[in-house]
Structures are given as structure tokens and as C-alpha cells.
Amino acid sequence: MIDVLILPGTGFPRGDGISLAFADALDLSKFRPRIVEYAAAYGGLDMPYAESRYTGRRALLQAITGYRPFVLGGYSQGAGIAGNLAVEIAQHMPGVMSDHLVGCALIADPSRPIGAGMPHRPPAPGYGIAGQRAVSGVPTWWAAADGDPITALPAGNPLRSIADLTEWYSLAGPDEIARWGADLVEKCRSGLHQRWWSLDNWRKWTGALAYARGYLIDGRHTTDYLRLGHVQALADVLNREEF
């Protein structure tokens, strides 16, 4: 039996509809799916996104059980955390941990590389709003809906500034606000922002509104994953895989 450890998306620490649908679509004779609870926060009056990611990483590591094989999975923020941890395990945790990591299944990954997807489906265009992070050394599959700005955003789209500017965004208290400000200064000083402001990308400002609407209104980041079968297709890939 293979454990499938699934981190849900922002705002749903105990599971969202997409994560639960993915778990329900897995072959229970082969897999033991489990929603892994973590903060799933994104600033505001709550903890910042960067700190939430840390709680997700810690929760996944605590959920890995003994010598059983496991798959890391997640949706949205959870997918970003799961993918990052898969890279960390493959590259820096040789031995029992890396030997038992048999796959990675990511839905709406904010760090999806360009062209990444799954068998029998064309990959969505663009790449993740937070940049590109390949997962090497681990079989990895991505579910990405066309038009979802979190995982399939064009290179020069101004919405990329959201990921750059809000990593430590929090208004929970003076210390949190100061830390957010320090992060913004450091990103500017170090040139770590994605170059959405480039003259070559100005023409893409008109596309930002369409992608924002896709996220806020049209369901590109939510219902499309169920309505268009992306979640079921990803589960089918795992169900067919010979681990």
C-alpha cells in the first residue's frame, strides 16, 4: 500500500473540494490517501504565505510513516510545498526518505515549469506564477488548467508581481509588517523580482485583467479542475502507474 499525502489549497487547512476529489478518485486497493492539515494561510490578518509554506513542509515530513512508499501531492499552495519538498528529498535526503518517495502529483502548482503536465493530455501554456521549479529524480505529474493564472501564466504577465510582493505579506502585527517590508527591500536590492515590468512585457498588461477574471470569477483555478476532468485524469495516471 502506498501513502498519498495531500496538502490542500489556501484557506482550507483540512481539505478543499479539489484535494478531496483527487483523494476519492484514487484506487484504494493500491493507495492510502490522506489530507495533511497545515496553516494554508496567505497573509492579511493571518500568517504570511512564506510561513504557511514552512508549516506545510513540516506537516508533510511528520506525515511520512516509517518505511512505507509514499507519493507527495497537493493543490495550489499545497502543490507548491509538495513539489519543493520532493526536490529537497530527492537531492538532499538520500537513503530511506528518498528511496520511499515514489511519485509527486501536483494540481495547480504555482511553480510548474513550462511544458510540464501528464500523459495523454496536452500541457497548459505558460508556467507558474511564482516561477519554474522542475522536480528531477522523482516521477512527477502536473494537472494545469488552461487560463489558470496560478499555474499557467504567460511569462510577462503583470500578475507575477503578486507572487513577488506578497510572499511575506501580513498585517497581523508590527513585527509581521516590518518583516514584510524588509522582504520587499531585500528583493529589490537583490534583483529577485520577476521582470514583469520590462518594456517587452508592457503589451501584456491587457491580458492581466483576463487572467485575474479567470481566477476570481471564471473558475479557472477551481471548478475547471473538476469540470474539465483534470483531477480525474491525474488520479487515473497514478492508478495506472506501476510503482
Protein backbone atom coordinates (compact mmCIF):
# COMPACT_ATOMS: atom_id res chain seq x y z
CA MET A 1 0.00 0.00 0.00
CA ILE A 2 1.28 3.45 -0.99
CA ASP A 3 0.57 6.53 1.13
CA VAL A 4 -0.59 9.57 -0.86
CA LEU A 5 -0.03 12.66 1.29
CA ILE A 6 -2.07 15.61 0.01
CA LEU A 7 -1.70 19.24 1.08
CA PRO A 8 -4.85 21.29 0.34
CA GLY A 9 -5.02 24.82 -1.04
CA THR A 10 -5.05 28.25 0.58
CA GLY A 11 -7.87 28.84 3.04
CA PHE A 12 -8.71 25.16 3.50
CA PRO A 13 -6.31 23.68 6.07
CA ARG A 14 -8.36 20.50 6.50
CA GLY A 15 -9.09 19.93 2.83
CA ASP A 16 -10.79 21.57 -0.16
CA GLY A 17 -13.10 20.15 -2.81
CA ILE A 18 -10.34 19.60 -5.34
CA SER A 19 -7.97 17.83 -2.95
CA LEU A 20 -10.79 15.65 -1.64
CA ALA A 21 -11.96 14.80 -5.17
CA PHE A 22 -8.42 13.73 -6.08
CA ALA A 23 -8.22 11.53 -2.98
CA ASP A 24 -11.61 9.98 -3.77
CA ALA A 25 -10.56 9.16 -7.35
CA LEU A 26 -7.52 7.10 -6.32
CA ASP A 27 -7.58 3.30 -6.35
CA LEU A 28 -7.99 2.38 -2.68
CA SER A 29 -6.68 -1.13 -3.29
CA LYS A 30 -3.36 0.47 -4.18
CA PHE A 31 -3.25 3.80 -2.33
CA ARG A 32 -3.93 5.16 1.13
CA PRO A 33 -4.75 8.86 0.51
CA ARG A 34 -4.60 11.32 3.38
CA ILE A 35 -5.25 15.04 3.60
CA VAL A 36 -2.42 16.59 5.61
CA GLU A 37 -3.53 19.57 7.70
CA TYR A 38 -1.41 22.74 7.83
CA ALA A 39 -1.93 26.51 8.10
CA ALA A 40 -2.89 27.07 4.41
CA ALA A 41 -2.71 30.85 5.03
CA TYR A 42 -1.85 33.78 2.77
CA GLY A 43 -1.20 36.85 4.87
CA GLY A 44 -3.74 39.52 5.66
CA LEU A 45 -4.54 39.15 9.35
CA ASP A 46 -3.14 35.61 9.28
CA MET A 47 0.44 34.35 8.96
CA PRO A 48 2.30 35.18 5.73
CA TYR A 49 2.48 32.80 2.79
CA ALA A 50 6.17 32.04 3.39
CA GLU A 51 5.49 30.97 6.97
CA SER A 52 2.46 28.93 5.90
CA ARG A 53 4.67 27.07 3.43
CA TYR A 54 7.00 26.18 6.28
CA THR A 55 4.12 24.69 8.29
CA GLY A 56 3.12 22.63 5.25
CA ARG A 57 6.63 21.28 4.78
CA ARG A 58 6.83 20.33 8.45
CA ALA A 59 3.40 18.66 8.34
CA LEU A 60 4.33 16.58 5.30
CA LEU A 61 7.58 15.41 6.89
CA GLN A 62 5.70 14.42 10.05
CA ALA A 63 3.12 12.53 7.96
CA ILE A 64 5.71 10.31 6.25
CA THR A 65 5.46 6.97 8.02
CA GLY A 66 8.35 4.58 8.50
CA TYR A 67 9.39 2.51 5.54
CA ARG A 68 6.17 2.72 3.52
CA PRO A 69 6.36 4.07 -0.04
CA PHE A 70 4.68 7.44 -0.48
CA VAL A 71 3.53 9.97 -3.05
CA LEU A 72 3.58 13.70 -2.30
CA GLY A 73 0.62 15.66 -3.65
CA GLY A 74 -1.19 18.92 -3.27
CA TYR A 75 -3.38 21.62 -4.73
CA SER A 76 -2.34 25.26 -5.30
CA GLN A 77 -0.29 26.40 -2.27
CA GLY A 78 -0.15 22.77 -1.19
CA ALA A 79 1.19 21.73 -4.60
CA GLY A 80 3.97 24.29 -4.37
CA ILE A 81 5.01 22.98 -0.96
CA ALA A 82 4.81 19.32 -2.02
CA GLY A 83 6.87 19.93 -5.16
CA ASN A 84 9.53 21.83 -3.23
CA LEU A 85 9.77 19.06 -0.66
CA ALA A 86 10.03 16.40 -3.38
CA VAL A 87 13.06 18.24 -4.78
CA GLU A 88 14.56 18.57 -1.31
CA ILE A 89 14.11 14.86 -0.56
CA ALA A 90 15.49 13.73 -3.92
CA GLN A 91 18.54 15.97 -3.73
CA HIS A 92 19.36 16.26 -0.04
CA MET A 93 17.80 13.31 1.84
CA PRO A 94 19.43 10.18 0.41
CA GLY A 95 18.62 6.83 1.92
CA VAL A 96 15.33 5.78 3.45
CA MET A 97 13.44 9.00 2.70
CA SER A 98 14.34 9.33 -0.98
CA ASP A 99 14.15 5.57 -1.57
CA HIS A 100 10.50 5.53 -0.50
CA LEU A 101 9.35 8.65 -2.38
CA VAL A 102 7.82 7.04 -5.47
CA GLY A 103 5.99 9.95 -7.08
CA CYS A 104 4.68 13.50 -6.95
CA ALA A 105 1.21 14.63 -8.13
CA LEU A 106 0.64 18.39 -8.29
CA ILE A 107 -2.58 20.27 -9.07
CA ALA A 108 -2.33 23.98 -9.97
CA ASP A 109 1.30 24.17 -8.88
CA PRO A 110 2.40 27.85 -8.58
CA SER A 111 5.93 26.75 -9.58
CA ARG A 112 5.01 24.49 -12.52
CA PRO A 113 7.71 24.51 -15.22
CA ILE A 114 6.75 25.38 -18.78
CA GLY A 115 5.57 22.30 -20.67
CA ALA A 116 5.00 20.20 -17.54
CA GLY A 117 1.86 18.08 -17.44
CA MET A 118 0.74 14.46 -17.54
CA PRO A 119 0.41 11.69 -20.15
CA HIS A 120 -2.48 11.79 -22.65
CA ARG A 121 -3.18 15.50 -22.10
CA PRO A 122 -1.53 18.49 -23.77
CA PRO A 123 0.28 20.70 -21.26
CA ALA A 124 -1.22 24.08 -20.44
CA PRO A 125 0.70 27.09 -21.79
CA GLY A 126 2.75 29.39 -19.59
CA TYR A 127 4.22 28.44 -16.23
CA GLY A 128 3.67 29.03 -12.52
CA ILE A 129 3.03 32.50 -11.12
CA ALA A 130 5.95 32.03 -8.68
CA GLY A 131 8.39 30.90 -11.38
CA GLN A 132 9.57 27.48 -12.55
CA ARG A 133 10.72 24.60 -10.37
CA ALA A 134 11.48 21.27 -12.02
CA VAL A 135 11.23 18.08 -9.97
CA SER A 136 14.06 15.81 -11.04
CA GLY A 137 14.74 12.32 -9.79
CA VAL A 138 11.09 11.69 -8.89
CA PRO A 139 8.25 10.72 -11.29
CA THR A 140 6.10 13.86 -11.25
CA TRP A 141 2.80 14.74 -12.92
CA TRP A 142 1.08 18.12 -13.11
CA ALA A 143 -2.60 18.97 -13.58
CA ALA A 144 -2.79 22.50 -15.00
CA ALA A 145 -5.92 24.18 -16.37
CA ASP A 146 -5.50 26.49 -19.35
CA GLY A 147 -6.08 30.06 -18.18
CA ASP A 148 -5.33 29.40 -14.51
CA PRO A 149 -3.01 32.28 -13.55
CA ILE A 150 -1.57 30.36 -10.61
CA THR A 151 -0.03 27.63 -12.75
CA ALA A 152 -0.34 28.64 -16.43
CA LEU A 153 0.55 32.34 -16.57
CA PRO A 154 2.36 33.87 -19.59
CA ALA A 155 5.95 34.90 -18.97
CA GLY A 156 5.43 38.67 -18.94
CA ASN A 157 2.04 38.88 -17.26
CA PRO A 158 1.99 41.62 -14.57
CA LEU A 159 0.13 39.31 -12.18
CA ARG A 160 3.55 37.82 -11.44
CA SER A 161 4.14 40.82 -9.19
CA ILE A 162 1.59 39.36 -6.76
CA ALA A 163 3.80 36.35 -6.05
CA ASP A 164 6.88 38.55 -5.71
CA LEU A 165 5.33 41.17 -3.44
CA THR A 166 3.22 39.03 -1.10
CA GLU A 167 5.50 36.18 -0.01
CA TRP A 168 5.81 37.71 3.49
CA TYR A 169 2.65 39.86 3.33
CA SER A 170 0.93 40.02 6.71
CA LEU A 171 -0.85 42.70 8.73
CA ALA A 172 -1.16 40.54 11.83
CA GLY A 173 1.07 42.83 13.91
CA PRO A 174 4.01 45.29 13.87
CA ASP A 175 6.62 42.54 13.66
CA GLU A 176 4.88 40.91 10.70
CA ILE A 177 4.53 44.23 8.87
CA ALA A 178 8.21 45.00 9.45
CA ARG A 179 9.23 41.58 8.15
CA TRP A 180 7.14 42.09 5.00
CA GLY A 181 8.78 45.47 4.41
CA ALA A 182 12.25 44.01 4.91
CA ASP A 183 11.50 41.28 2.38
CA LEU A 184 10.37 43.82 -0.23
CA VAL A 185 13.54 45.86 0.27
CA GLU A 186 15.74 42.76 0.00
CA LYS A 187 14.01 41.57 -3.19
CA CYS A 188 14.53 44.98 -4.78
CA ARG A 189 18.16 45.16 -3.62
CA SER A 190 18.95 41.65 -4.87
CA GLY A 191 17.00 41.85 -8.13
CA LEU A 192 14.84 38.87 -7.24
CA HIS A 193 11.61 40.18 -8.77
CA GLN A 194 10.37 38.55 -11.98
CA ARG A 195 10.75 41.06 -14.82
CA TRP A 196 7.07 41.70 -15.46
CA TRP A 197 7.80 45.46 -15.77
CA SER A 198 10.12 45.01 -18.78
CA LEU A 199 9.31 47.19 -21.81
CA ASP A 200 8.95 43.98 -23.79
CA ASN A 201 6.13 42.93 -21.49
CA TRP A 202 4.09 46.16 -21.33
CA ARG A 203 1.76 44.94 -24.06
CA LYS A 204 0.74 42.06 -21.78
CA TRP A 205 -0.89 44.34 -19.21
CA THR A 206 -4.13 43.96 -21.16
CA GLY A 207 -4.00 40.21 -20.54
CA ALA A 208 -3.66 40.62 -16.79
CA LEU A 209 -7.33 41.52 -16.39
CA ALA A 210 -8.44 38.42 -18.28
CA TYR A 211 -6.29 36.15 -16.12
CA ALA A 212 -7.45 37.89 -12.95
CA ARG A 213 -11.06 37.32 -14.02
CA GLY A 214 -10.22 33.68 -14.68
CA TYR A 215 -9.02 33.35 -11.10
CA LEU A 216 -11.67 35.44 -9.35
CA ILE A 217 -14.81 34.73 -11.39
CA ASP A 218 -14.50 32.14 -14.15
CA GLY A 219 -13.27 29.16 -12.11
CA ARG A 220 -10.00 28.61 -13.96
CA HIS A 221 -8.24 27.87 -10.66
CA THR A 222 -11.12 25.99 -9.04
CA THR A 223 -14.10 24.42 -10.80
CA ASP A 224 -12.29 23.88 -14.12
CA TYR A 225 -10.19 21.19 -12.46
CA LEU A 226 -13.33 19.19 -11.78
CA ARG A 227 -15.50 20.26 -14.73
CA LEU A 228 -12.81 19.57 -17.34
CA GLY A 229 -11.59 16.36 -15.76
CA HIS A 230 -8.08 17.43 -14.76
CA VAL A 231 -8.35 15.94 -11.27
CA GLN A 232 -9.74 12.65 -12.52
CA ALA A 233 -7.07 12.45 -15.23
CA LEU A 234 -4.30 12.94 -12.68
CA ALA A 235 -5.75 10.23 -10.45
CA ASP A 236 -6.02 7.92 -13.47
CA VAL A 237 -2.32 8.42 -14.19
CA LEU A 238 -1.43 7.30 -10.67
CA ASN A 239 -3.90 4.41 -10.78
CA ARG A 240 -2.26 3.09 -13.96
CA GLU A 241 1.32 3.63 -12.82
CA GLU A 242 3.44 0.60 -11.91
CA PHE A 243 5.22 1.73 -8.76
